[in-house]
Each structure stands twice: as structure tokens, then as C-alpha cells.
Amino acid sequence: MVFVFNVLPETFHIINQNTIVGVGNFLGILFFLALFIAGLSTTVGNVEVIVDAIEGIV
């Protein structure tokens, strides 16, 4: 987790300084949005297993 929240934002900042202004910000937003969607889909999968187990009991 240290890599994701410490190193990558610094990398996107360096990209922003060395290219057209805003490219690093755009890539950062895109990356963290994809990370959020991956975490959300994993959470939905885990809840689905729990709900299926509860439905089996009831």
C-alpha cells in the first residue's frame, strides 16, 4: 500500500512537470478511479458469497 499512496502520486507529479500540464493529474485520477472500481467489485463479490450462505441457511 505504501507504493500506491506514496510513490505513485509523486510519479504522477513528475509526469505533470515534464509533460503538458494536466497529464499527470489525469493519469492519477484515472488510476485511482480504476483502483476504487477494483476494490468495489471485490467487495461486491465478497458480499455475494455471504448472502448466498445466508440464503442457504434460511
Protein backbone atom coordinates (compact mmCIF):
# COMPACT_ATOMS: atom_id res chain seq x y z
CA MET A 1 0.00 0.00 0.00
CA VAL A 2 2.93 2.33 0.54
CA PHE A 3 3.73 2.13 -3.16
CA VAL A 4 0.20 3.05 -4.22
CA PHE A 5 -0.30 6.02 -1.90
CA ASN A 6 3.23 7.42 -1.63
CA VAL A 7 5.24 6.59 -4.75
CA LEU A 8 2.59 6.77 -7.48
CA PRO A 9 1.30 10.27 -6.61
CA GLU A 10 4.90 11.51 -6.74
CA THR A 11 5.32 9.78 -10.10
CA PHE A 12 2.19 11.46 -11.46
CA HIS A 13 3.54 14.79 -10.15
CA ILE A 14 6.81 14.26 -12.03
CA ILE A 15 4.87 13.35 -15.18
CA ASN A 16 2.86 16.54 -14.73
CA GLN A 17 6.05 18.64 -14.51
CA ASN A 18 7.74 17.06 -17.55
CA THR A 19 4.79 16.95 -19.96
CA ILE A 20 1.76 19.04 -20.80
CA VAL A 21 0.24 20.41 -17.60
CA GLY A 22 -2.65 18.24 -16.50
CA VAL A 23 -1.50 14.92 -17.96
CA GLY A 24 -0.18 13.68 -14.62
CA ASN A 25 -3.35 14.79 -12.86
CA PHE A 26 -5.48 13.00 -15.45
CA LEU A 27 -3.45 9.79 -15.16
CA GLY A 28 -3.62 9.96 -11.36
CA ILE A 29 -7.38 10.39 -11.34
CA LEU A 30 -7.77 7.58 -13.89
CA PHE A 31 -5.53 5.23 -11.88
CA PHE A 32 -7.19 5.84 -8.52
CA LEU A 33 -10.65 5.58 -10.10
CA ALA A 34 -9.66 2.19 -11.54
CA LEU A 35 -8.29 1.16 -8.13
CA PHE A 36 -11.58 2.18 -6.49
CA ILE A 37 -13.63 0.21 -9.03
CA ALA A 38 -11.43 -2.86 -8.50
CA GLY A 39 -11.93 -2.63 -4.74
CA LEU A 40 -15.66 -2.10 -5.14
CA SER A 41 -16.06 -5.13 -7.40
CA THR A 42 -14.12 -7.26 -4.92
CA THR A 43 -16.39 -6.08 -2.11
CA VAL A 44 -19.49 -6.93 -4.15
CA GLY A 45 -18.10 -10.43 -4.77
CA ASN A 46 -17.45 -10.96 -1.07
CA VAL A 47 -20.93 -9.78 -0.10
CA GLU A 48 -22.42 -12.10 -2.72
CA VAL A 49 -20.77 -15.11 -1.05
CA ILE A 50 -22.10 -14.09 2.38
CA VAL A 51 -25.62 -13.51 1.05
CA ASP A 52 -25.59 -16.89 -0.71
CA ALA A 53 -24.55 -18.60 2.53
CA ILE A 54 -27.33 -16.84 4.45
CA GLU A 55 -29.88 -17.81 1.77
CA GLY A 56 -28.74 -21.43 2.11
CA ILE A 57 -29.42 -21.35 5.85
CA VAL A 58 -32.83 -19.69 5.52
